[in-house]
Amino acid sequence: MFKRRAPRPFSQRLRESVFPRGGWIRALTYIFHRLRRLPDPPHRIARGVASGVFVSFTPLFGLHFILTTTINWAIGGNFVASVIGNWFGNPMTLPVIAYSSVWLGQWLMHVDQKIDLYALMHITTEMSTELWRNCFAIFTSATMHWDAFREFTRDYFLPYLLGGLLLGVAFSVASHALTVRAVEAYRLLRSRRLREHVERRRKSLKRNAAAGPDSPDGLA
């Protein structure tokens, strides 16, 4: 029912995930309008956003949706808001999130191997080779080795997890406060505009009634 008649090619979907068709400003504006029009109370919407933002800082890729849903359910947040909040970790911000989280975690854990793209690509290649060999070792007498996995976990994954949790808490608290204020301000503005519209309508009806049915203002 809601599917496109002509599905978009994968290349187009990938391109629009990085560069939205209408630009990032339009995409962010749409998300803001969608968020503030949710029917739940502001604090529930804010909890949903906070849970999504928090999970977007974790290195548990592939589990973000499950984690967001679980945390959002536990704290009583809005589900749609949590999905919107999780979008904070988008293709534009994810490299910054990853680098900042790993750097902070390595600094706190006193890791000698500082974050480096070449070193990260090298250890990732070593992990792939090691995993491939271990798969064959299951059916042979060869010995399994996990050196690359331990090195990656020690130098990158654990620092990412620690730094991401700390940054996630900070950004989720900030997003909660901003969301509550934004939603409350929008609803106050909408309520005021509605009252002004009703008042103008009431005055218009009173003028028409006072003018009488034979005057131009009193004609229907």
C-alpha atoms as a PDB file:
ATOM      1  CA  MET A   1       0.000   0.000   0.000  1.00  0.00           C
ATOM      2  CA  PHE A   2       2.794   2.433   0.974  1.00  0.00           C
ATOM      3  CA  LYS A   3       5.445   1.010  -1.334  1.00  0.00           C
ATOM      4  CA  ARG A   4       6.773   2.887  -4.323  1.00  0.00           C
ATOM      5  CA  ARG A   5       5.484   1.845  -7.741  1.00  0.00           C
ATOM      6  CA  ALA A   6       9.027   2.002  -9.076  1.00  0.00           C
ATOM      7  CA  PRO A   7      11.491   0.990  -6.339  1.00  0.00           C
ATOM      8  CA  ARG A   8      14.592   3.157  -6.130  1.00  0.00           C
ATOM      9  CA  PRO A   9      17.871   1.549  -7.220  1.00  0.00           C
ATOM     10  CA  PHE A  10      20.292   0.640  -4.458  1.00  0.00           C
ATOM     11  CA  SER A  11      22.818   3.202  -5.701  1.00  0.00           C
ATOM     12  CA  GLN A  12      20.201   5.963  -5.394  1.00  0.00           C
ATOM     13  CA  ARG A  13      19.195   4.911  -1.895  1.00  0.00           C
ATOM     14  CA  LEU A  14      22.852   4.816  -0.834  1.00  0.00           C
ATOM     15  CA  ARG A  15      23.501   8.245  -2.336  1.00  0.00           C
ATOM     16  CA  GLU A  16      20.419   9.788  -0.707  1.00  0.00           C
ATOM     17  CA  SER A  17      21.395   8.341   2.680  1.00  0.00           C
ATOM     18  CA  VAL A  18      24.526  10.508   2.528  1.00  0.00           C
ATOM     19  CA  PHE A  19      23.163  13.416   0.469  1.00  0.00           C
ATOM     20  CA  PRO A  20      19.349  13.713   0.837  1.00  0.00           C
ATOM     21  CA  ARG A  21      17.503  14.836  -2.273  1.00  0.00           C
ATOM     22  CA  GLY A  22      16.369  18.129  -0.772  1.00  0.00           C
ATOM     23  CA  GLY A  23      19.575  18.701   1.190  1.00  0.00           C
ATOM     24  CA  TRP A  24      20.401  18.165   4.838  1.00  0.00           C
ATOM     25  CA  ILE A  25      18.650  21.337   5.990  1.00  0.00           C
ATOM     26  CA  ARG A  26      15.375  20.198   4.467  1.00  0.00           C
ATOM     27  CA  ALA A  27      15.807  16.695   5.901  1.00  0.00           C
ATOM     28  CA  LEU A  28      16.531  18.047   9.385  1.00  0.00           C
ATOM     29  CA  THR A  29      13.594  20.451   9.134  1.00  0.00           C
ATOM     30  CA  TYR A  30      11.272  17.580   8.220  1.00  0.00           C
ATOM     31  CA  ILE A  31      12.525  15.519  11.156  1.00  0.00           C
ATOM     32  CA  PHE A  32      11.995  18.448  13.535  1.00  0.00           C
ATOM     33  CA  HIS A  33       8.425  19.003  12.323  1.00  0.00           C
ATOM     34  CA  ARG A  34       7.705  15.270  12.531  1.00  0.00           C
ATOM     35  CA  LEU A  35       9.086  15.154  16.059  1.00  0.00           C
ATOM     36  CA  ARG A  36       7.196  18.100  17.506  1.00  0.00           C
ATOM     37  CA  ARG A  37       3.861  16.886  16.114  1.00  0.00           C
ATOM     38  CA  LEU A  38       3.946  13.554  17.949  1.00  0.00           C
ATOM     39  CA  PRO A  39       0.883  13.185  20.213  1.00  0.00           C
ATOM     40  CA  ASP A  40       2.701  12.093  23.395  1.00  0.00           C
ATOM     41  CA  PRO A  41       3.646  14.412  26.281  1.00  0.00           C
ATOM     42  CA  PRO A  42       6.965  16.254  25.805  1.00  0.00           C
ATOM     43  CA  HIS A  43       8.837  14.199  28.407  1.00  0.00           C
ATOM     44  CA  ARG A  44       7.931  10.921  26.682  1.00  0.00           C
ATOM     45  CA  ILE A  45       9.027  12.250  23.312  1.00  0.00           C
ATOM     46  CA  ALA A  46      12.260  13.492  24.873  1.00  0.00           C
ATOM     47  CA  ARG A  47      12.928  10.090  26.449  1.00  0.00           C
ATOM     48  CA  GLY A  48      12.506   8.442  23.063  1.00  0.00           C
ATOM     49  CA  VAL A  49      14.936  10.857  21.428  1.00  0.00           C
ATOM     50  CA  ALA A  50      17.435  10.418  24.256  1.00  0.00           C
ATOM     51  CA  SER A  51      17.375   6.628  23.995  1.00  0.00           C
ATOM     52  CA  GLY A  52      17.999   6.768  20.241  1.00  0.00           C
ATOM     53  CA  VAL A  53      20.829   9.283  20.580  1.00  0.00           C
ATOM     54  CA  PHE A  54      22.469   7.237  23.336  1.00  0.00           C
ATOM     55  CA  VAL A  55      22.493   4.004  21.339  1.00  0.00           C
ATOM     56  CA  SER A  56      23.849   5.764  18.233  1.00  0.00           C
ATOM     57  CA  PHE A  57      27.134   6.256  20.137  1.00  0.00           C
ATOM     58  CA  THR A  58      27.686   2.548  20.808  1.00  0.00           C
ATOM     59  CA  PRO A  59      29.834   0.315  18.548  1.00  0.00           C
ATOM     60  CA  LEU A  60      27.219  -2.464  18.635  1.00  0.00           C
ATOM     61  CA  PHE A  61      26.267  -2.059  14.981  1.00  0.00           C
ATOM     62  CA  GLY A  62      23.457  -4.350  13.881  1.00  0.00           C
ATOM     63  CA  LEU A  63      21.930  -4.192  17.361  1.00  0.00           C
ATOM     64  CA  HIS A  64      21.103  -0.476  17.452  1.00  0.00           C
ATOM     65  CA  PHE A  65      17.411  -0.947  16.677  1.00  0.00           C
ATOM     66  CA  ILE A  66      16.995  -3.711  19.281  1.00  0.00           C
ATOM     67  CA  LEU A  67      18.887  -1.737  21.927  1.00  0.00           C
ATOM     68  CA  THR A  68      16.979   1.459  21.178  1.00  0.00           C
ATOM     69  CA  THR A  69      13.632  -0.331  21.382  1.00  0.00           C
ATOM     70  CA  THR A  70      14.578  -2.056  24.649  1.00  0.00           C
ATOM     71  CA  ILE A  71      15.874   1.090  26.376  1.00  0.00           C
ATOM     72  CA  ASN A  72      12.971   3.149  25.080  1.00  0.00           C
ATOM     73  CA  TRP A  73      10.485   0.607  26.429  1.00  0.00           C
ATOM     74  CA  ALA A  74      12.265   0.499  29.805  1.00  0.00           C
ATOM     75  CA  ILE A  75      12.175   4.282  30.308  1.00  0.00           C
ATOM     76  CA  GLY A  76       8.701   4.783  28.812  1.00  0.00           C
ATOM     77  CA  GLY A  77       9.666   6.812  25.761  1.00  0.00           C
ATOM     78  CA  ASN A  78       7.932   7.367  22.439  1.00  0.00           C
ATOM     79  CA  PHE A  79       8.865   4.731  19.854  1.00  0.00           C
ATOM     80  CA  VAL A  80       8.810   7.014  16.805  1.00  0.00           C
ATOM     81  CA  ALA A  81      10.921   9.555  18.683  1.00  0.00           C
ATOM     82  CA  SER A  82      13.469   6.853  19.536  1.00  0.00           C
ATOM     83  CA  VAL A  83      13.810   5.943  15.861  1.00  0.00           C
ATOM     84  CA  ILE A  84      14.297   9.616  15.010  1.00  0.00           C
ATOM     85  CA  GLY A  85      16.857   9.955  17.801  1.00  0.00           C
ATOM     86  CA  ASN A  86      18.780   6.931  16.570  1.00  0.00           C
ATOM     87  CA  TRP A  87      19.109   8.683  13.212  1.00  0.00           C
ATOM     88  CA  PHE A  88      21.576  10.984  15.005  1.00  0.00           C
ATOM     89  CA  GLY A  89      24.170   8.382  14.032  1.00  0.00           C
ATOM     90  CA  ASN A  90      23.801   8.961  10.280  1.00  0.00           C
ATOM     91  CA  PRO A  91      26.465   8.571   7.552  1.00  0.00           C
ATOM     92  CA  MET A  92      27.551  12.185   8.036  1.00  0.00           C
ATOM     93  CA  THR A  93      27.982  12.093  11.823  1.00  0.00           C
ATOM     94  CA  LEU A  94      29.044   8.462  12.349  1.00  0.00           C
ATOM     95  CA  PRO A  95      32.735   9.024  11.440  1.00  0.00           C
ATOM     96  CA  VAL A  96      32.902  11.889  13.935  1.00  0.00           C
ATOM     97  CA  ILE A  97      31.128   9.817  16.587  1.00  0.00           C
ATOM     98  CA  ALA A  98      33.436   6.836  16.032  1.00  0.00           C
ATOM     99  CA  TYR A  99      36.637   8.880  16.067  1.00  0.00           C
ATOM    100  CA  SER A 100      35.640  10.887  19.144  1.00  0.00           C
ATOM    101  CA  SER A 101      34.518   7.801  21.055  1.00  0.00           C
ATOM    102  CA  VAL A 102      37.659   5.789  20.272  1.00  0.00           C
ATOM    103  CA  TRP A 103      39.934   8.749  21.061  1.00  0.00           C
ATOM    104  CA  LEU A 104      38.228   9.387  24.416  1.00  0.00           C
ATOM    105  CA  GLY A 105      38.226   5.699  25.326  1.00  0.00           C
ATOM    106  CA  GLN A 106      41.895   5.243  24.426  1.00  0.00           C
ATOM    107  CA  TRP A 107      42.810   8.309  26.472  1.00  0.00           C
ATOM    108  CA  LEU A 108      40.916   7.046  29.521  1.00  0.00           C
ATOM    109  CA  MET A 109      42.279   3.506  29.188  1.00  0.00           C
ATOM    110  CA  HIS A 110      45.847   4.680  28.464  1.00  0.00           C
ATOM    111  CA  VAL A 111      46.016   2.702  25.239  1.00  0.00           C
ATOM    112  CA  ASP A 112      49.382   3.106  23.482  1.00  0.00           C
ATOM    113  CA  GLN A 113      47.965   2.397  20.005  1.00  0.00           C
ATOM    114  CA  LYS A 114      46.247   5.663  19.133  1.00  0.00           C
ATOM    115  CA  ILE A 115      43.453   5.727  16.594  1.00  0.00           C
ATOM    116  CA  ASP A 116      44.830   5.617  13.076  1.00  0.00           C
ATOM    117  CA  LEU A 117      42.960   4.788   9.861  1.00  0.00           C
ATOM    118  CA  TYR A 118      45.808   2.759   8.369  1.00  0.00           C
ATOM    119  CA  ALA A 119      46.319   0.770  11.574  1.00  0.00           C
ATOM    120  CA  LEU A 120      42.575   0.157  11.852  1.00  0.00           C
ATOM    121  CA  MET A 121      42.388  -1.129   8.275  1.00  0.00           C
ATOM    122  CA  HIS A 122      45.423  -3.349   8.900  1.00  0.00           C
ATOM    123  CA  ILE A 123      44.031  -4.941  12.056  1.00  0.00           C
ATOM    124  CA  THR A 124      40.647  -5.413  10.378  1.00  0.00           C
ATOM    125  CA  THR A 125      42.319  -7.286   7.522  1.00  0.00           C
ATOM    126  CA  GLU A 126      44.209  -9.415  10.025  1.00  0.00           C
ATOM    127  CA  MET A 127      40.953 -10.216  11.793  1.00  0.00           C
ATOM    128  CA  SER A 128      39.319 -11.340   8.547  1.00  0.00           C
ATOM    129  CA  THR A 129      42.246 -13.601   7.710  1.00  0.00           C
ATOM    130  CA  GLU A 130      42.333 -14.990  11.230  1.00  0.00           C
ATOM    131  CA  LEU A 131      38.603 -15.711  11.195  1.00  0.00           C
ATOM    132  CA  TRP A 132      38.893 -17.493   7.836  1.00  0.00           C
ATOM    133  CA  ARG A 133      41.708 -19.701   9.129  1.00  0.00           C
ATOM    134  CA  ASN A 134      39.843 -20.488  12.344  1.00  0.00           C
ATOM    135  CA  CYS A 135      36.827 -21.628  10.326  1.00  0.00           C
ATOM    136  CA  PHE A 136      39.008 -24.217   8.613  1.00  0.00           C
ATOM    137  CA  ALA A 137      40.686 -25.111  11.895  1.00  0.00           C
ATOM    138  CA  ILE A 138      37.353 -26.398  13.185  1.00  0.00           C
ATOM    139  CA  PHE A 139      37.526 -29.295  10.720  1.00  0.00           C
ATOM    140  CA  THR A 140      41.306 -29.863  10.853  1.00  0.00           C
ATOM    141  CA  SER A 141      44.035 -30.292  13.417  1.00  0.00           C
ATOM    142  CA  ALA A 142      45.204 -26.703  13.001  1.00  0.00           C
ATOM    143  CA  THR A 143      45.281 -24.441  16.057  1.00  0.00           C
ATOM    144  CA  MET A 144      42.950 -21.480  16.303  1.00  0.00           C
ATOM    145  CA  HIS A 145      44.472 -18.072  16.883  1.00  0.00           C
ATOM    146  CA  TRP A 146      42.678 -14.995  18.204  1.00  0.00           C
ATOM    147  CA  ASP A 147      45.547 -12.542  18.466  1.00  0.00           C
ATOM    148  CA  ALA A 148      44.084 -10.062  15.975  1.00  0.00           C
ATOM    149  CA  PHE A 149      40.683 -10.181  17.685  1.00  0.00           C
ATOM    150  CA  ARG A 150      42.245  -9.558  21.095  1.00  0.00           C
ATOM    151  CA  GLU A 151      44.321  -6.699  19.717  1.00  0.00           C
ATOM    152  CA  PHE A 152      41.306  -5.125  18.023  1.00  0.00           C
ATOM    153  CA  THR A 153      39.188  -5.529  21.169  1.00  0.00           C
ATOM    154  CA  ARG A 154      41.867  -4.044  23.401  1.00  0.00           C
ATOM    155  CA  ASP A 155      42.936  -1.151  21.179  1.00  0.00           C
ATOM    156  CA  TYR A 156      39.684  -0.169  19.455  1.00  0.00           C
ATOM    157  CA  PHE A 157      36.466  -1.918  20.487  1.00  0.00           C
ATOM    158  CA  LEU A 158      36.664  -1.470  24.267  1.00  0.00           C
ATOM    159  CA  PRO A 159      37.829   2.156  23.969  1.00  0.00           C
ATOM    160  CA  TYR A 160      34.995   2.791  21.497  1.00  0.00           C
ATOM    161  CA  LEU A 161      32.521   1.198  23.894  1.00  0.00           C
ATOM    162  CA  LEU A 162      33.752   3.194  26.899  1.00  0.00           C
ATOM    163  CA  GLY A 163      34.056   6.500  25.069  1.00  0.00           C
ATOM    164  CA  GLY A 164      30.741   5.963  23.293  1.00  0.00           C
ATOM    165  CA  LEU A 165      28.901   5.276  26.538  1.00  0.00           C
ATOM    166  CA  LEU A 166      30.235   8.460  28.137  1.00  0.00           C
ATOM    167  CA  LEU A 167      29.570  10.650  25.111  1.00  0.00           C
ATOM    168  CA  GLY A 168      26.203   8.943  24.616  1.00  0.00           C
ATOM    169  CA  VAL A 169      25.121   9.842  28.145  1.00  0.00           C
ATOM    170  CA  ALA A 170      26.188  13.464  27.678  1.00  0.00           C
ATOM    171  CA  PHE A 171      24.481  13.882  24.304  1.00  0.00           C
ATOM    172  CA  SER A 172      21.330  12.013  25.370  1.00  0.00           C
ATOM    173  CA  VAL A 173      20.910  14.280  28.414  1.00  0.00           C
ATOM    174  CA  ALA A 174      21.382  17.344  26.207  1.00  0.00           C
ATOM    175  CA  SER A 175      18.961  16.027  23.570  1.00  0.00           C
ATOM    176  CA  HIS A 176      16.358  15.291  26.255  1.00  0.00           C
ATOM    177  CA  ALA A 177      16.486  18.863  27.570  1.00  0.00           C
ATOM    178  CA  LEU A 178      16.405  20.410  24.093  1.00  0.00           C
ATOM    179  CA  THR A 179      13.528  18.194  22.940  1.00  0.00           C
ATOM    180  CA  VAL A 180      11.368  18.996  25.966  1.00  0.00           C
ATOM    181  CA  ARG A 181      11.874  22.736  25.467  1.00  0.00           C
ATOM    182  CA  ALA A 182      11.318  22.578  21.705  1.00  0.00           C
ATOM    183  CA  VAL A 183       8.107  20.530  21.939  1.00  0.00           C
ATOM    184  CA  GLU A 184       6.702  22.648  24.785  1.00  0.00           C
ATOM    185  CA  ALA A 185       7.518  25.889  22.945  1.00  0.00           C
ATOM    186  CA  TYR A 186       5.903  24.615  19.749  1.00  0.00           C
ATOM    187  CA  ARG A 187       2.738  23.517  21.532  1.00  0.00           C
ATOM    188  CA  LEU A 188       2.444  26.825  23.378  1.00  0.00           C
ATOM    189  CA  LEU A 189       2.845  28.686  20.104  1.00  0.00           C
ATOM    190  CA  ARG A 190       0.278  26.473  18.390  1.00  0.00           C
ATOM    191  CA  SER A 191      -2.160  26.896  21.260  1.00  0.00           C
ATOM    192  CA  ARG A 192      -1.750  30.681  21.157  1.00  0.00           C
ATOM    193  CA  ARG A 193      -2.293  30.797  17.419  1.00  0.00           C
ATOM    194  CA  LEU A 194      -5.398  28.655  17.792  1.00  0.00           C
ATOM    195  CA  ARG A 195      -6.817  30.989  20.444  1.00  0.00           C
ATOM    196  CA  GLU A 196      -6.086  33.995  18.244  1.00  0.00           C
ATOM    197  CA  HIS A 197      -7.805  32.323  15.305  1.00  0.00           C
ATOM    198  CA  VAL A 198     -10.864  31.508  17.426  1.00  0.00           C
ATOM    199  CA  GLU A 199     -10.951  35.082  18.749  1.00  0.00           C
ATOM    200  CA  ARG A 200     -10.758  36.549  15.240  1.00  0.00           C
ATOM    201  CA  ARG A 201     -13.505  34.215  14.101  1.00  0.00           C
ATOM    202  CA  ARG A 202     -15.689  35.173  17.068  1.00  0.00           C
ATOM    203  CA  LYS A 203     -15.231  38.892  16.414  1.00  0.00           C
ATOM    204  CA  SER A 204     -16.005  38.399  12.759  1.00  0.00           C
ATOM    205  CA  LEU A 205     -19.262  36.608  13.595  1.00  0.00           C
ATOM    206  CA  LYS A 206     -20.228  39.365  16.057  1.00  0.00           C
ATOM    207  CA  ARG A 207     -19.626  42.053  13.423  1.00  0.00           C
ATOM    208  CA  ASN A 208     -21.722  40.169  10.887  1.00  0.00           C
ATOM    209  CA  ALA A 209     -24.529  39.719  13.411  1.00  0.00           C
ATOM    210  CA  ALA A 210     -24.451  43.414  14.371  1.00  0.00           C
ATOM    211  CA  ALA A 211     -24.442  44.527  10.732  1.00  0.00           C
ATOM    212  CA  GLY A 212     -27.732  42.718  10.047  1.00  0.00           C
ATOM    213  CA  PRO A 213     -28.767  40.392   7.265  1.00  0.00           C
ATOM    214  CA  ASP A 214     -29.403  43.204   4.747  1.00  0.00           C
ATOM    215  CA  SER A 215     -25.939  44.761   4.943  1.00  0.00           C
ATOM    216  CA  PRO A 216     -23.050  43.566   2.772  1.00  0.00           C
ATOM    217  CA  ASP A 217     -21.194  42.293   5.860  1.00  0.00           C
ATOM    218  CA  GLY A 218     -24.196  40.287   6.966  1.00  0.00           C
ATOM    219  CA  LEU A 219     -24.627  38.416   3.709  1.00  0.00           C
ATOM    220  CA  ALA A 220     -23.634  34.789   3.827  1.00  0.00           C
END
